[in-house]
Amino acid sequence: MPYSWRAMTRVEIVDVTDETGFGLVPPCADPSFDHRTCDYWEDADRGSKASRPNWLPAGPAGPAGSAASAASPAGVGEPSSGGRSANPFAPPPGTESNPFLPTPKAAANPFAPVFREPARNPFLDDRTDSPAENPFAPQRPRRPTIAAEAPRKLQLLGRGLGIFGSYAKLLLVDGEAVGYCQFGPLSAYPRALRLRELYSQLPDAPLPAVITCIATTSEARRGGHALRLVEEVCRDLAGRGFAAVEAYPEVRAREDSTPAARPEFWIGAGFRLAVNDDRYPVVRREL
């Protein structure tokens, strides 16, 4: 159903830093691509923009599996767990079945020395327990991390979460994501590094931040959301200490097949054409 912008009540921009935010990432206008499985910029050799559903977490187990288990509870017409029949006369597993064998007893030697733990050497660093907390020492804030079982793309977006901060933002309209932007330091995107090496006229220092992806849903087009999202990303990057930001649009790509937009979009967002190339131009904005 198309959006009714007159009924719009709330617009907000949020960072993608966890699975909740990642779950809000909107679909691409072209279903053959997917922001949630794209590693085109992160992998300069084998990266792809393609939709790869196997990268996304599978849904919960269907009702069929749970119904099957409920229909045949252990002990009713089936052997119990482990495949053994429930025989009430059989001895418990692991017990001695010969009643005539004497029960082994450990001999107590009253002359043996009592074992004591050796005195702790404070200069050794082999303690396995954590050191006692010092209430007077300044406490470092716990850095956010991404769980190891999180979707692959979320792990890529969370690589610098504890040091740099987020690598992606969403623009929400009434709680629904209609825009997506991916960005970060140049070192986080090897394909951008390789592309940049083609042009010696680009400044080497200070290295810029980059915006690799900017996209809105097809229903939200021409609403100014992408421009607003880029403006917020530039403000954020300036606050993180960057002096400039670059983007690498695709001139010949169709609108729905490129997450990097076209040069005209970036010019309208305050960027200048730093490299005027027929295929891979570079746009740059000083912060």
C-alpha atoms as a PDB file:
ATOM      1  CA  MET A   1       0.000   0.000   0.000  1.00  0.00           C
ATOM      2  CA  PRO A   2       1.499   3.380  -1.001  1.00  0.00           C
ATOM      3  CA  TYR A   3       2.564   5.774   1.729  1.00  0.00           C
ATOM      4  CA  SER A   4       0.426   8.782   2.548  1.00  0.00           C
ATOM      5  CA  TRP A   5       2.961  11.479   3.438  1.00  0.00           C
ATOM      6  CA  ARG A   6       0.246  13.853   4.669  1.00  0.00           C
ATOM      7  CA  ALA A   7      -0.577  11.357   7.398  1.00  0.00           C
ATOM      8  CA  MET A   8       3.099  11.051   8.372  1.00  0.00           C
ATOM      9  CA  THR A   9       3.561  11.681  12.084  1.00  0.00           C
ATOM     10  CA  ARG A  10       7.140  10.737  12.980  1.00  0.00           C
ATOM     11  CA  VAL A  11      10.465  10.539  11.141  1.00  0.00           C
ATOM     12  CA  GLU A  12      13.552   9.268  12.947  1.00  0.00           C
ATOM     13  CA  ILE A  13      17.023   8.041  12.058  1.00  0.00           C
ATOM     14  CA  VAL A  14      18.510   5.161  14.039  1.00  0.00           C
ATOM     15  CA  ASP A  15      21.772   3.208  13.999  1.00  0.00           C
ATOM     16  CA  VAL A  16      21.932  -0.485  13.120  1.00  0.00           C
ATOM     17  CA  THR A  17      23.815  -1.945  16.080  1.00  0.00           C
ATOM     18  CA  ASP A  18      21.958  -5.147  16.979  1.00  0.00           C
ATOM     19  CA  GLU A  19      19.624  -7.796  15.611  1.00  0.00           C
ATOM     20  CA  THR A  20      16.558  -5.699  16.376  1.00  0.00           C
ATOM     21  CA  GLY A  21      17.774  -2.861  14.169  1.00  0.00           C
ATOM     22  CA  PHE A  22      19.055  -5.283  11.552  1.00  0.00           C
ATOM     23  CA  GLY A  23      15.613  -6.839  11.366  1.00  0.00           C
ATOM     24  CA  LEU A  24      14.200  -3.454  10.303  1.00  0.00           C
ATOM     25  CA  VAL A  25      16.449  -3.112   7.222  1.00  0.00           C
ATOM     26  CA  PRO A  26      14.016  -2.655   4.306  1.00  0.00           C
ATOM     27  CA  PRO A  27      14.117  -4.820   1.179  1.00  0.00           C
ATOM     28  CA  CYS A  28      15.788  -3.606  -1.986  1.00  0.00           C
ATOM     29  CA  ALA A  29      13.593  -2.240  -4.754  1.00  0.00           C
ATOM     30  CA  ASP A  30      15.005  -4.976  -7.002  1.00  0.00           C
ATOM     31  CA  PRO A  31      14.358  -8.343  -5.285  1.00  0.00           C
ATOM     32  CA  SER A  32      17.486  -9.890  -6.798  1.00  0.00           C
ATOM     33  CA  PHE A  33      19.564  -7.712  -4.432  1.00  0.00           C
ATOM     34  CA  ASP A  34      19.493  -7.515  -0.650  1.00  0.00           C
ATOM     35  CA  HIS A  35      21.187  -5.090   1.760  1.00  0.00           C
ATOM     36  CA  ARG A  36      21.047  -7.794   4.425  1.00  0.00           C
ATOM     37  CA  THR A  37      23.283 -10.181   2.458  1.00  0.00           C
ATOM     38  CA  CYS A  38      25.439  -7.770   0.437  1.00  0.00           C
ATOM     39  CA  ASP A  39      29.205  -7.909   0.962  1.00  0.00           C
ATOM     40  CA  TYR A  40      30.129  -6.187  -2.304  1.00  0.00           C
ATOM     41  CA  TRP A  41      32.185  -3.443  -0.630  1.00  0.00           C
ATOM     42  CA  GLU A  42      33.584  -5.594   2.170  1.00  0.00           C
ATOM     43  CA  ASP A  43      35.032  -8.237  -0.187  1.00  0.00           C
ATOM     44  CA  ALA A  44      36.931  -6.767  -3.124  1.00  0.00           C
ATOM     45  CA  ASP A  45      37.442 -10.138  -4.849  1.00  0.00           C
ATOM     46  CA  ARG A  46      34.286 -12.177  -4.292  1.00  0.00           C
ATOM     47  CA  GLY A  47      31.801  -9.695  -2.870  1.00  0.00           C
ATOM     48  CA  SER A  48      28.248  -9.706  -4.170  1.00  0.00           C
ATOM     49  CA  LYS A  49      25.089  -7.622  -3.930  1.00  0.00           C
ATOM     50  CA  ALA A  50      22.903 -10.662  -4.569  1.00  0.00           C
ATOM     51  CA  SER A  51      20.050 -11.802  -2.384  1.00  0.00           C
ATOM     52  CA  ARG A  52      21.247 -14.828  -0.405  1.00  0.00           C
ATOM     53  CA  PRO A  53      18.473 -16.097   1.895  1.00  0.00           C
ATOM     54  CA  ASN A  54      20.828 -18.652   3.458  1.00  0.00           C
ATOM     55  CA  TRP A  55      22.678 -15.740   5.082  1.00  0.00           C
ATOM     56  CA  LEU A  56      19.571 -14.856   7.060  1.00  0.00           C
ATOM     57  CA  PRO A  57      18.412 -16.673  10.195  1.00  0.00           C
ATOM     58  CA  ALA A  58      15.870 -19.414   9.617  1.00  0.00           C
ATOM     59  CA  GLY A  59      12.420 -19.050  11.130  1.00  0.00           C
ATOM     60  CA  PRO A  60      11.301 -20.987  14.193  1.00  0.00           C
ATOM     61  CA  ALA A  61      10.522 -24.669  13.856  1.00  0.00           C
ATOM     62  CA  GLY A  62       7.156 -25.267  12.238  1.00  0.00           C
ATOM     63  CA  PRO A  63       4.207 -26.749  14.066  1.00  0.00           C
ATOM     64  CA  ALA A  64       4.626 -30.062  12.289  1.00  0.00           C
ATOM     65  CA  GLY A  65       7.824 -30.861  14.163  1.00  0.00           C
ATOM     66  CA  SER A  66       6.368 -30.015  17.523  1.00  0.00           C
ATOM     67  CA  ALA A  67       3.155 -31.936  16.763  1.00  0.00           C
ATOM     68  CA  ALA A  68       5.101 -35.050  15.850  1.00  0.00           C
ATOM     69  CA  SER A  69       7.000 -35.008  19.103  1.00  0.00           C
ATOM     70  CA  ALA A  70       3.824 -34.410  21.100  1.00  0.00           C
ATOM     71  CA  ALA A  71       1.987 -37.274  19.380  1.00  0.00           C
ATOM     72  CA  SER A  72       4.515 -39.879  20.535  1.00  0.00           C
ATOM     73  CA  PRO A  73       5.634 -39.165  24.093  1.00  0.00           C
ATOM     74  CA  ALA A  74       8.371 -41.394  25.522  1.00  0.00           C
ATOM     75  CA  GLY A  75       7.051 -44.464  27.298  1.00  0.00           C
ATOM     76  CA  VAL A  76       3.748 -44.704  25.361  1.00  0.00           C
ATOM     77  CA  GLY A  77       4.102 -47.354  22.671  1.00  0.00           C
ATOM     78  CA  GLU A  78       7.782 -46.404  22.108  1.00  0.00           C
ATOM     79  CA  PRO A  79      11.035 -47.050  23.908  1.00  0.00           C
ATOM     80  CA  SER A  80      12.221 -44.358  26.265  1.00  0.00           C
ATOM     81  CA  SER A  81      15.101 -41.988  25.458  1.00  0.00           C
ATOM     82  CA  GLY A  82      18.223 -43.789  24.375  1.00  0.00           C
ATOM     83  CA  GLY A  83      16.267 -46.523  22.551  1.00  0.00           C
ATOM     84  CA  ARG A  84      16.070 -48.858  25.575  1.00  0.00           C
ATOM     85  CA  SER A  85      12.883 -50.475  26.813  1.00  0.00           C
ATOM     86  CA  ALA A  86      11.691 -49.366  30.237  1.00  0.00           C
ATOM     87  CA  ASN A  87      12.195 -52.652  32.199  1.00  0.00           C
ATOM     88  CA  PRO A  88      11.441 -52.090  35.903  1.00  0.00           C
ATOM     89  CA  PHE A  89      13.350 -55.298  36.833  1.00  0.00           C
ATOM     90  CA  ALA A  90      16.566 -54.387  35.023  1.00  0.00           C
ATOM     91  CA  PRO A  91      19.375 -52.951  37.176  1.00  0.00           C
ATOM     92  CA  PRO A  92      20.127 -49.238  36.724  1.00  0.00           C
ATOM     93  CA  PRO A  93      22.793 -48.489  34.111  1.00  0.00           C
ATOM     94  CA  GLY A  94      26.316 -48.522  35.460  1.00  0.00           C
ATOM     95  CA  THR A  95      25.555 -50.547  38.610  1.00  0.00           C
ATOM     96  CA  GLU A  96      27.189 -53.863  39.459  1.00  0.00           C
ATOM     97  CA  SER A  97      24.841 -56.716  38.613  1.00  0.00           C
ATOM     98  CA  ASN A  98      26.662 -59.343  40.783  1.00  0.00           C
ATOM     99  CA  PRO A  99      25.193 -59.184  44.319  1.00  0.00           C
ATOM    100  CA  PHE A 100      27.936 -61.469  45.718  1.00  0.00           C
ATOM    101  CA  LEU A 101      30.837 -59.126  44.917  1.00  0.00           C
ATOM    102  CA  PRO A 102      32.068 -57.180  47.964  1.00  0.00           C
ATOM    103  CA  THR A 103      31.623 -53.450  47.897  1.00  0.00           C
ATOM    104  CA  PRO A 104      35.008 -51.777  47.323  1.00  0.00           C
ATOM    105  CA  LYS A 105      36.086 -49.452  50.101  1.00  0.00           C
ATOM    106  CA  ALA A 106      38.849 -46.933  50.111  1.00  0.00           C
ATOM    107  CA  ALA A 107      41.320 -47.573  52.907  1.00  0.00           C
ATOM    108  CA  ALA A 108      41.844 -44.627  55.192  1.00  0.00           C
ATOM    109  CA  ASN A 109      45.516 -44.132  56.083  1.00  0.00           C
ATOM    110  CA  PRO A 110      45.736 -42.218  59.357  1.00  0.00           C
ATOM    111  CA  PHE A 111      49.488 -41.690  58.861  1.00  0.00           C
ATOM    112  CA  ALA A 112      49.186 -40.043  55.425  1.00  0.00           C
ATOM    113  CA  PRO A 113      49.790 -36.297  55.495  1.00  0.00           C
ATOM    114  CA  VAL A 114      46.779 -34.077  55.011  1.00  0.00           C
ATOM    115  CA  PHE A 115      46.854 -32.374  51.633  1.00  0.00           C
ATOM    116  CA  ARG A 116      46.881 -28.630  51.826  1.00  0.00           C
ATOM    117  CA  GLU A 117      46.725 -26.078  49.002  1.00  0.00           C
ATOM    118  CA  PRO A 118      50.117 -24.439  48.510  1.00  0.00           C
ATOM    119  CA  ALA A 119      50.493 -20.873  49.574  1.00  0.00           C
ATOM    120  CA  ARG A 120      49.685 -18.420  46.813  1.00  0.00           C
ATOM    121  CA  ASN A 121      52.573 -16.545  45.242  1.00  0.00           C
ATOM    122  CA  PRO A 122      51.348 -12.999  44.490  1.00  0.00           C
ATOM    123  CA  PHE A 123      54.042 -12.582  41.831  1.00  0.00           C
ATOM    124  CA  LEU A 124      52.829 -15.497  39.739  1.00  0.00           C
ATOM    125  CA  ASP A 125      50.291 -14.721  37.031  1.00  0.00           C
ATOM    126  CA  ASP A 126      48.671 -18.146  36.852  1.00  0.00           C
ATOM    127  CA  ARG A 127      45.459 -17.526  38.736  1.00  0.00           C
ATOM    128  CA  THR A 128      42.403 -18.767  36.900  1.00  0.00           C
ATOM    129  CA  ASP A 129      39.906 -16.683  38.798  1.00  0.00           C
ATOM    130  CA  SER A 130      39.270 -13.071  37.876  1.00  0.00           C
ATOM    131  CA  PRO A 131      40.982 -10.384  39.952  1.00  0.00           C
ATOM    132  CA  ALA A 132      39.022  -8.678  42.651  1.00  0.00           C
ATOM    133  CA  GLU A 133      37.232  -5.562  41.490  1.00  0.00           C
ATOM    134  CA  ASN A 134      38.811  -2.306  42.609  1.00  0.00           C
ATOM    135  CA  PRO A 135      36.006   0.123  43.531  1.00  0.00           C
ATOM    136  CA  PHE A 136      38.434   3.072  43.351  1.00  0.00           C
ATOM    137  CA  ALA A 137      39.726   2.375  39.836  1.00  0.00           C
ATOM    138  CA  PRO A 138      37.895   4.050  36.929  1.00  0.00           C
ATOM    139  CA  GLN A 139      35.565   1.605  35.212  1.00  0.00           C
ATOM    140  CA  ARG A 140      35.764   1.269  31.441  1.00  0.00           C
ATOM    141  CA  PRO A 141      32.364   1.151  29.762  1.00  0.00           C
ATOM    142  CA  ARG A 142      31.526  -2.225  28.278  1.00  0.00           C
ATOM    143  CA  ARG A 143      31.938  -2.095  24.511  1.00  0.00           C
ATOM    144  CA  PRO A 144      29.027  -3.337  22.433  1.00  0.00           C
ATOM    145  CA  THR A 145      29.584  -6.536  20.498  1.00  0.00           C
ATOM    146  CA  ILE A 146      27.731  -8.654  17.940  1.00  0.00           C
ATOM    147  CA  ALA A 147      26.935 -12.250  18.821  1.00  0.00           C
ATOM    148  CA  ALA A 148      28.863 -14.914  16.938  1.00  0.00           C
ATOM    149  CA  GLU A 149      25.613 -16.536  15.752  1.00  0.00           C
ATOM    150  CA  ALA A 150      24.256 -13.260  14.335  1.00  0.00           C
ATOM    151  CA  PRO A 151      23.639 -12.980  10.552  1.00  0.00           C
ATOM    152  CA  ARG A 152      26.822 -12.598   8.513  1.00  0.00           C
ATOM    153  CA  LYS A 153      25.974  -9.089   7.308  1.00  0.00           C
ATOM    154  CA  LEU A 154      25.263  -7.880  10.834  1.00  0.00           C
ATOM    155  CA  GLN A 155      28.676  -9.179  11.872  1.00  0.00           C
ATOM    156  CA  LEU A 156      30.241  -7.138   9.062  1.00  0.00           C
ATOM    157  CA  LEU A 157      28.356  -4.041  10.175  1.00  0.00           C
ATOM    158  CA  GLY A 158      29.480  -4.638  13.752  1.00  0.00           C
ATOM    159  CA  ARG A 159      33.203  -5.053  13.108  1.00  0.00           C
ATOM    160  CA  GLY A 160      34.101  -1.601  14.409  1.00  0.00           C
ATOM    161  CA  LEU A 161      31.204  -1.186  16.798  1.00  0.00           C
ATOM    162  CA  GLY A 162      33.349  -0.980  19.919  1.00  0.00           C
ATOM    163  CA  ILE A 163      35.814   1.554  18.481  1.00  0.00           C
ATOM    164  CA  PHE A 164      34.385   3.380  15.481  1.00  0.00           C
ATOM    165  CA  GLY A 165      30.671   3.069  16.114  1.00  0.00           C
ATOM    166  CA  SER A 166      27.865   1.982  13.823  1.00  0.00           C
ATOM    167  CA  TYR A 167      28.350   1.323  10.116  1.00  0.00           C
ATOM    168  CA  ALA A 168      24.712   1.757   9.046  1.00  0.00           C
ATOM    169  CA  LYS A 169      21.651   3.909   9.690  1.00  0.00           C
ATOM    170  CA  LEU A 170      17.950   3.565   8.950  1.00  0.00           C
ATOM    171  CA  LEU A 171      15.366   6.245   8.320  1.00  0.00           C
ATOM    172  CA  LEU A 172      12.029   5.299   9.875  1.00  0.00           C
ATOM    173  CA  VAL A 173       8.648   6.770   9.033  1.00  0.00           C
ATOM    174  CA  ASP A 174       6.139   5.999  11.755  1.00  0.00           C
ATOM    175  CA  GLY A 175       8.357   3.134  12.875  1.00  0.00           C
ATOM    176  CA  GLU A 176       8.758   1.591   9.422  1.00  0.00           C
ATOM    177  CA  ALA A 177      12.159   1.696   7.725  1.00  0.00           C
ATOM    178  CA  VAL A 178      12.074   3.336   4.284  1.00  0.00           C
ATOM    179  CA  GLY A 179      15.752   4.265   3.877  1.00  0.00           C
ATOM    180  CA  TYR A 180      19.102   2.561   4.457  1.00  0.00           C
ATOM    181  CA  CYS A 181      22.644   3.953   4.445  1.00  0.00           C
ATOM    182  CA  GLN A 182      25.940   2.103   4.921  1.00  0.00           C
ATOM    183  CA  PHE A 183      29.148   4.002   5.678  1.00  0.00           C
ATOM    184  CA  GLY A 184      32.353   3.824   7.693  1.00  0.00           C
ATOM    185  CA  PRO A 185      36.102   4.330   7.549  1.00  0.00           C
ATOM    186  CA  LEU A 186      37.802   3.677   4.231  1.00  0.00           C
ATOM    187  CA  SER A 187      39.751   0.760   5.758  1.00  0.00           C
ATOM    188  CA  ALA A 188      36.482  -1.128   6.369  1.00  0.00           C
ATOM    189  CA  TYR A 189      35.716  -1.414   2.646  1.00  0.00           C
ATOM    190  CA  PRO A 190      38.488  -3.049   0.554  1.00  0.00           C
ATOM    191  CA  ARG A 191      36.648  -2.493  -2.735  1.00  0.00           C
ATOM    192  CA  ALA A 192      36.570   1.248  -2.079  1.00  0.00           C
ATOM    193  CA  LEU A 193      40.289   1.150  -1.297  1.00  0.00           C
ATOM    194  CA  ARG A 194      40.987  -0.640  -4.583  1.00  0.00           C
ATOM    195  CA  LEU A 195      38.835   1.736  -6.592  1.00  0.00           C
ATOM    196  CA  ARG A 196      40.471   4.733  -4.971  1.00  0.00           C
ATOM    197  CA  GLU A 197      43.921   3.494  -5.976  1.00  0.00           C
ATOM    198  CA  LEU A 198      42.986   4.122  -9.614  1.00  0.00           C
ATOM    199  CA  TYR A 199      43.042   7.882  -9.095  1.00  0.00           C
ATOM    200  CA  SER A 200      46.279   9.493  -7.970  1.00  0.00           C
ATOM    201  CA  GLN A 201      44.599  12.924  -7.824  1.00  0.00           C
ATOM    202  CA  LEU A 202      42.642  11.984  -4.720  1.00  0.00           C
ATOM    203  CA  PRO A 203      44.276  13.172  -1.488  1.00  0.00           C
ATOM    204  CA  ASP A 204      46.009  10.529   0.599  1.00  0.00           C
ATOM    205  CA  ALA A 205      45.721  12.331   3.919  1.00  0.00           C
ATOM    206  CA  PRO A 206      43.633  12.606   5.845  1.00  0.00           C
ATOM    207  CA  LEU A 207      41.834   9.541   4.572  1.00  0.00           C
ATOM    208  CA  PRO A 208      38.093  10.086   4.167  1.00  0.00           C
ATOM    209  CA  ALA A 209      35.133   8.196   5.470  1.00  0.00           C
ATOM    210  CA  VAL A 210      33.019   6.585   2.772  1.00  0.00           C
ATOM    211  CA  ILE A 211      29.336   6.103   2.091  1.00  0.00           C
ATOM    212  CA  THR A 212      28.958   2.880   0.146  1.00  0.00           C
ATOM    213  CA  CYS A 213      25.184   2.451   0.054  1.00  0.00           C
ATOM    214  CA  ILE A 214      22.172   4.760   0.053  1.00  0.00           C
ATOM    215  CA  ALA A 215      18.749   3.423  -0.822  1.00  0.00           C
ATOM    216  CA  THR A 216      15.058   3.959  -0.206  1.00  0.00           C
ATOM    217  CA  THR A 217      12.150   1.654  -0.801  1.00  0.00           C
ATOM    218  CA  SER A 218      10.333   2.103  -4.110  1.00  0.00           C
ATOM    219  CA  GLU A 219       7.199   3.348  -2.293  1.00  0.00           C
ATOM    220  CA  ALA A 220       9.154   6.096  -0.534  1.00  0.00           C
ATOM    221  CA  ARG A 221      10.935   7.486  -3.584  1.00  0.00           C
ATOM    222  CA  ARG A 222      11.068  11.238  -4.280  1.00  0.00           C
ATOM    223  CA  GLY A 223      10.277  12.064  -0.660  1.00  0.00           C
ATOM    224  CA  GLY A 224      13.691  13.537   0.222  1.00  0.00           C
ATOM    225  CA  HIS A 225      14.434  10.719   2.662  1.00  0.00           C
ATOM    226  CA  ALA A 226      17.752   9.684   1.094  1.00  0.00           C
ATOM    227  CA  LEU A 227      19.023  13.276   1.198  1.00  0.00           C
ATOM    228  CA  ARG A 228      18.005  13.598   4.839  1.00  0.00           C
ATOM    229  CA  LEU A 229      19.705  10.319   5.674  1.00  0.00           C
ATOM    230  CA  VAL A 230      22.960  11.323   3.940  1.00  0.00           C
ATOM    231  CA  GLU A 231      22.932  14.670   5.738  1.00  0.00           C
ATOM    232  CA  GLU A 232      22.638  12.920   9.112  1.00  0.00           C
ATOM    233  CA  VAL A 233      25.436  10.484   8.221  1.00  0.00           C
ATOM    234  CA  CYS A 234      27.727  13.378   7.244  1.00  0.00           C
ATOM    235  CA  ARG A 235      26.955  15.158  10.522  1.00  0.00           C
ATOM    236  CA  ASP A 236      27.707  11.964  12.434  1.00  0.00           C
ATOM    237  CA  LEU A 237      30.989  11.356  10.579  1.00  0.00           C
ATOM    238  CA  ALA A 238      32.114  14.917  11.255  1.00  0.00           C
ATOM    239  CA  GLY A 239      31.452  14.308  14.933  1.00  0.00           C
ATOM    240  CA  ARG A 240      33.660  11.215  14.772  1.00  0.00           C
ATOM    241  CA  GLY A 241      36.573  13.300  13.554  1.00  0.00           C
ATOM    242  CA  PHE A 242      36.516  12.840   9.783  1.00  0.00           C
ATOM    243  CA  ALA A 243      37.448  15.783   7.572  1.00  0.00           C
ATOM    244  CA  ALA A 244      35.831  14.457   4.379  1.00  0.00           C
ATOM    245  CA  VAL A 245      33.549  11.767   3.060  1.00  0.00           C
ATOM    246  CA  GLU A 246      33.540  10.138  -0.373  1.00  0.00           C
ATOM    247  CA  ALA A 247      31.083   8.042  -2.367  1.00  0.00           C
ATOM    248  CA  TYR A 248      31.490   6.009  -5.549  1.00  0.00           C
ATOM    249  CA  PRO A 249      28.363   6.213  -7.720  1.00  0.00           C
ATOM    250  CA  GLU A 250      27.687   4.109 -10.791  1.00  0.00           C
ATOM    251  CA  VAL A 251      26.870   6.100 -13.906  1.00  0.00           C
ATOM    252  CA  ARG A 252      25.464   3.351 -16.116  1.00  0.00           C
ATOM    253  CA  ALA A 253      23.588   1.306 -13.536  1.00  0.00           C
ATOM    254  CA  ARG A 254      19.818   1.233 -13.305  1.00  0.00           C
ATOM    255  CA  GLU A 255      18.302   3.085 -10.373  1.00  0.00           C
ATOM    256  CA  ASP A 256      17.102  -0.071  -8.637  1.00  0.00           C
ATOM    257  CA  SER A 257      20.318  -2.034  -9.213  1.00  0.00           C
ATOM    258  CA  THR A 258      22.826   0.341  -7.637  1.00  0.00           C
ATOM    259  CA  PRO A 259      23.057   1.092  -3.919  1.00  0.00           C
ATOM    260  CA  ALA A 260      25.578   3.855  -4.619  1.00  0.00           C
ATOM    261  CA  ALA A 261      23.113   6.180  -6.426  1.00  0.00           C
ATOM    262  CA  ARG A 262      24.127   8.392  -9.336  1.00  0.00           C
ATOM    263  CA  PRO A 263      26.389  11.453  -9.428  1.00  0.00           C
ATOM    264  CA  GLU A 264      23.429  13.858  -9.704  1.00  0.00           C
ATOM    265  CA  PHE A 265      22.100  12.684  -6.352  1.00  0.00           C
ATOM    266  CA  TRP A 266      25.411  13.327  -4.616  1.00  0.00           C
ATOM    267  CA  ILE A 267      25.815  16.761  -6.187  1.00  0.00           C
ATOM    268  CA  GLY A 268      22.394  17.622  -4.770  1.00  0.00           C
ATOM    269  CA  ALA A 269      23.599  16.381  -1.361  1.00  0.00           C
ATOM    270  CA  GLY A 270      26.490  18.850  -1.259  1.00  0.00           C
ATOM    271  CA  PHE A 271      29.213  16.666  -2.785  1.00  0.00           C
ATOM    272  CA  ARG A 272      31.501  17.750  -5.604  1.00  0.00           C
ATOM    273  CA  LEU A 273      32.725  15.639  -8.499  1.00  0.00           C
ATOM    274  CA  ALA A 274      36.303  14.819  -7.476  1.00  0.00           C
ATOM    275  CA  VAL A 275      36.933  12.353 -10.332  1.00  0.00           C
ATOM    276  CA  ASN A 276      34.907  12.636 -13.528  1.00  0.00           C
ATOM    277  CA  ASP A 277      35.113   9.098 -14.877  1.00  0.00           C
ATOM    278  CA  ASP A 278      32.657   7.606 -17.372  1.00  0.00           C
ATOM    279  CA  ARG A 279      32.182   4.439 -15.321  1.00  0.00           C
ATOM    280  CA  TYR A 280      33.429   4.948 -11.754  1.00  0.00           C
ATOM    281  CA  PRO A 281      33.404   8.601 -10.764  1.00  0.00           C
ATOM    282  CA  VAL A 282      34.235   9.747  -7.243  1.00  0.00           C
ATOM    283  CA  VAL A 283      32.279  12.365  -5.353  1.00  0.00           C
ATOM    284  CA  ARG A 284      33.626  14.072  -2.237  1.00  0.00           C
ATOM    285  CA  ARG A 285      32.334  16.354   0.451  1.00  0.00           C
ATOM    286  CA  GLU A 286      34.480  18.244   2.944  1.00  0.00           C
ATOM    287  CA  LEU A 287      33.076  18.058   6.480  1.00  0.00           C
END
